[in-house]
Amino acid sequence: MRDVVKMDLKQSLEVVSRTGKLVVGYRRTLKLVAEKKPVLVVASRRSSSKLLKTMTVMASAAGVPVLLSDLSPSELGLSLRKPFPTSFISILDPGSSDLAERVRSESGE
């Protein structure tokens, strides 16, 4: 589980939404994590602590890095140009964004 600070997450997520592939929502993200498909999961610290704990445990077991964000669910949704809030984003293909590489390099993987 990574806590990357001072990263322009909003801009990176916008690039992923335009050039890559992502899935939003807790249930869909959890299912994809169980299948080891995401290259990265972005989660809001402001989400339910129970859901956040379940997601981090599942992601750790699957070897999927988790980026904990200080952005609110509304801010995460808006950064993806979605008209709704979301606490969990599963990035399947980062597209032109280097977000997944930056998280891996900061975690030493």
C-alpha atoms as a PDB file:
ATOM      1  CA  MET A   1       0.000   0.000   0.000  1.00  0.00           C
ATOM      2  CA  ARG A   2       1.534   3.296  -1.075  1.00  0.00           C
ATOM      3  CA  ASP A   3       0.948   6.812   0.112  1.00  0.00           C
ATOM      4  CA  VAL A   4       2.309   9.055  -2.614  1.00  0.00           C
ATOM      5  CA  VAL A   5       2.318  12.710  -1.645  1.00  0.00           C
ATOM      6  CA  LYS A   6       2.792  15.796  -3.842  1.00  0.00           C
ATOM      7  CA  MET A   7       1.784  13.910  -6.965  1.00  0.00           C
ATOM      8  CA  ASP A   8      -0.667  15.567  -9.274  1.00  0.00           C
ATOM      9  CA  LEU A   9      -3.107  12.705  -9.037  1.00  0.00           C
ATOM     10  CA  LYS A  10      -5.983  14.594 -10.624  1.00  0.00           C
ATOM     11  CA  GLN A  11      -3.980  15.260 -13.774  1.00  0.00           C
ATOM     12  CA  SER A  12      -2.692  11.681 -13.938  1.00  0.00           C
ATOM     13  CA  LEU A  13      -6.197  10.266 -13.555  1.00  0.00           C
ATOM     14  CA  GLU A  14      -7.456  12.557 -16.298  1.00  0.00           C
ATOM     15  CA  VAL A  15      -4.750  11.208 -18.620  1.00  0.00           C
ATOM     16  CA  VAL A  16      -5.681   7.620 -17.711  1.00  0.00           C
ATOM     17  CA  SER A  17      -9.362   8.317 -18.368  1.00  0.00           C
ATOM     18  CA  ARG A  18      -8.546   9.723 -21.826  1.00  0.00           C
ATOM     19  CA  THR A  19      -5.831   7.294 -22.970  1.00  0.00           C
ATOM     20  CA  GLY A  20      -6.092   4.170 -20.819  1.00  0.00           C
ATOM     21  CA  LYS A  21      -8.649   1.866 -19.304  1.00  0.00           C
ATOM     22  CA  LEU A  22     -10.119   2.045 -15.828  1.00  0.00           C
ATOM     23  CA  VAL A  23     -13.072   0.814 -13.817  1.00  0.00           C
ATOM     24  CA  VAL A  24     -14.751   2.683 -10.968  1.00  0.00           C
ATOM     25  CA  GLY A  25     -16.604   1.405  -7.930  1.00  0.00           C
ATOM     26  CA  TYR A  26     -15.915  -0.831  -4.968  1.00  0.00           C
ATOM     27  CA  ARG A  27     -17.556  -4.069  -6.127  1.00  0.00           C
ATOM     28  CA  ARG A  28     -16.151  -3.994  -9.635  1.00  0.00           C
ATOM     29  CA  THR A  29     -12.677  -3.063  -8.379  1.00  0.00           C
ATOM     30  CA  LEU A  30     -12.714  -5.806  -5.734  1.00  0.00           C
ATOM     31  CA  LYS A  31     -13.704  -8.376  -8.358  1.00  0.00           C
ATOM     32  CA  LEU A  32     -10.888  -7.261 -10.669  1.00  0.00           C
ATOM     33  CA  VAL A  33      -8.370  -7.314  -7.797  1.00  0.00           C
ATOM     34  CA  ALA A  34      -9.391 -10.913  -7.021  1.00  0.00           C
ATOM     35  CA  GLU A  35      -8.623 -11.700 -10.679  1.00  0.00           C
ATOM     36  CA  LYS A  36      -5.269  -9.818 -10.418  1.00  0.00           C
ATOM     37  CA  LYS A  37      -6.136  -7.630 -13.410  1.00  0.00           C
ATOM     38  CA  PRO A  38      -5.448  -4.041 -12.235  1.00  0.00           C
ATOM     39  CA  VAL A  39      -1.976  -2.543 -12.429  1.00  0.00           C
ATOM     40  CA  LEU A  40      -2.989  -0.108  -9.683  1.00  0.00           C
ATOM     41  CA  VAL A  41      -5.929   0.671  -7.403  1.00  0.00           C
ATOM     42  CA  VAL A  42      -6.565   4.267  -6.338  1.00  0.00           C
ATOM     43  CA  ALA A  43      -8.595   4.587  -3.126  1.00  0.00           C
ATOM     44  CA  SER A  44      -9.842   7.615  -1.236  1.00  0.00           C
ATOM     45  CA  ARG A  45      -8.854   7.771   2.434  1.00  0.00           C
ATOM     46  CA  ARG A  46     -12.329   9.203   3.037  1.00  0.00           C
ATOM     47  CA  SER A  47     -14.082   5.992   2.020  1.00  0.00           C
ATOM     48  CA  SER A  48     -15.560   3.599   4.556  1.00  0.00           C
ATOM     49  CA  SER A  49     -12.799   2.199   6.773  1.00  0.00           C
ATOM     50  CA  LYS A  50     -14.285  -1.296   6.477  1.00  0.00           C
ATOM     51  CA  LEU A  51     -14.306  -1.155   2.662  1.00  0.00           C
ATOM     52  CA  LEU A  52     -10.834   0.368   2.584  1.00  0.00           C
ATOM     53  CA  LYS A  53      -9.424  -2.352   4.841  1.00  0.00           C
ATOM     54  CA  THR A  54     -11.021  -5.124   2.761  1.00  0.00           C
ATOM     55  CA  MET A  55      -9.664  -3.614  -0.450  1.00  0.00           C
ATOM     56  CA  THR A  56      -6.122  -3.178   0.879  1.00  0.00           C
ATOM     57  CA  VAL A  57      -6.009  -6.727   2.254  1.00  0.00           C
ATOM     58  CA  MET A  58      -7.305  -8.212  -1.017  1.00  0.00           C
ATOM     59  CA  ALA A  59      -4.953  -6.076  -3.105  1.00  0.00           C
ATOM     60  CA  SER A  60      -1.971  -6.998  -0.957  1.00  0.00           C
ATOM     61  CA  ALA A  61      -2.781 -10.696  -1.301  1.00  0.00           C
ATOM     62  CA  ALA A  62      -3.111 -10.293  -5.075  1.00  0.00           C
ATOM     63  CA  GLY A  63       0.064  -8.234  -5.388  1.00  0.00           C
ATOM     64  CA  VAL A  64      -1.791  -5.168  -6.688  1.00  0.00           C
ATOM     65  CA  PRO A  65      -0.443  -1.812  -5.428  1.00  0.00           C
ATOM     66  CA  VAL A  66      -2.895   0.562  -3.742  1.00  0.00           C
ATOM     67  CA  LEU A  67      -2.497   4.326  -3.878  1.00  0.00           C
ATOM     68  CA  LEU A  68      -4.243   6.025  -0.972  1.00  0.00           C
ATOM     69  CA  SER A  69      -5.428   9.474  -1.949  1.00  0.00           C
ATOM     70  CA  ASP A  70      -6.419  12.449   0.179  1.00  0.00           C
ATOM     71  CA  LEU A  71      -8.903  13.412  -2.540  1.00  0.00           C
ATOM     72  CA  SER A  72     -12.558  13.048  -1.614  1.00  0.00           C
ATOM     73  CA  PRO A  73     -14.744  10.610  -3.560  1.00  0.00           C
ATOM     74  CA  SER A  74     -16.335  13.618  -5.305  1.00  0.00           C
ATOM     75  CA  GLU A  75     -12.921  14.932  -6.357  1.00  0.00           C
ATOM     76  CA  LEU A  76     -11.909  11.495  -7.644  1.00  0.00           C
ATOM     77  CA  GLY A  77     -15.083  11.266  -9.709  1.00  0.00           C
ATOM     78  CA  LEU A  78     -14.594  14.753 -11.130  1.00  0.00           C
ATOM     79  CA  SER A  79     -10.969  14.026 -12.037  1.00  0.00           C
ATOM     80  CA  LEU A  80     -12.302  11.194 -14.232  1.00  0.00           C
ATOM     81  CA  ARG A  81     -14.953  13.514 -15.685  1.00  0.00           C
ATOM     82  CA  LYS A  82     -17.677  11.395 -14.091  1.00  0.00           C
ATOM     83  CA  PRO A  83     -20.854  13.030 -12.744  1.00  0.00           C
ATOM     84  CA  PHE A  84     -20.724  10.925  -9.570  1.00  0.00           C
ATOM     85  CA  PRO A  85     -18.352  10.300  -6.648  1.00  0.00           C
ATOM     86  CA  THR A  86     -16.212   7.188  -6.432  1.00  0.00           C
ATOM     87  CA  SER A  87     -13.930   5.939  -3.681  1.00  0.00           C
ATOM     88  CA  PHE A  88     -12.202   3.191  -5.648  1.00  0.00           C
ATOM     89  CA  ILE A  89     -10.633   3.246  -9.107  1.00  0.00           C
ATOM     90  CA  SER A  90      -9.105   0.193 -10.720  1.00  0.00           C
ATOM     91  CA  ILE A  91      -6.558   1.081 -13.389  1.00  0.00           C
ATOM     92  CA  LEU A  92      -6.299  -1.717 -15.941  1.00  0.00           C
ATOM     93  CA  ASP A  93      -4.242   0.182 -18.530  1.00  0.00           C
ATOM     94  CA  PRO A  94      -2.533   3.445 -17.563  1.00  0.00           C
ATOM     95  CA  GLY A  95      -2.402   4.617 -21.183  1.00  0.00           C
ATOM     96  CA  SER A  96      -0.065   7.597 -21.565  1.00  0.00           C
ATOM     97  CA  SER A  97       0.078   8.175 -17.810  1.00  0.00           C
ATOM     98  CA  ASP A  98       3.151   7.178 -15.831  1.00  0.00           C
ATOM     99  CA  LEU A  99       1.125   6.844 -12.620  1.00  0.00           C
ATOM    100  CA  ALA A 100       1.645   3.093 -12.189  1.00  0.00           C
ATOM    101  CA  GLU A 101       5.398   3.361 -12.830  1.00  0.00           C
ATOM    102  CA  ARG A 102       5.743   6.226 -10.338  1.00  0.00           C
ATOM    103  CA  VAL A 103       3.929   4.240  -7.637  1.00  0.00           C
ATOM    104  CA  ARG A 104       6.093   1.166  -8.293  1.00  0.00           C
ATOM    105  CA  SER A 105       9.321   3.165  -8.297  1.00  0.00           C
ATOM    106  CA  GLU A 106       8.441   4.881  -5.018  1.00  0.00           C
ATOM    107  CA  SER A 107       7.580   1.560  -3.403  1.00  0.00           C
ATOM    108  CA  GLY A 108      10.883   0.058  -4.531  1.00  0.00           C
ATOM    109  CA  GLU A 109       9.340  -2.664  -6.678  1.00  0.00           C
END
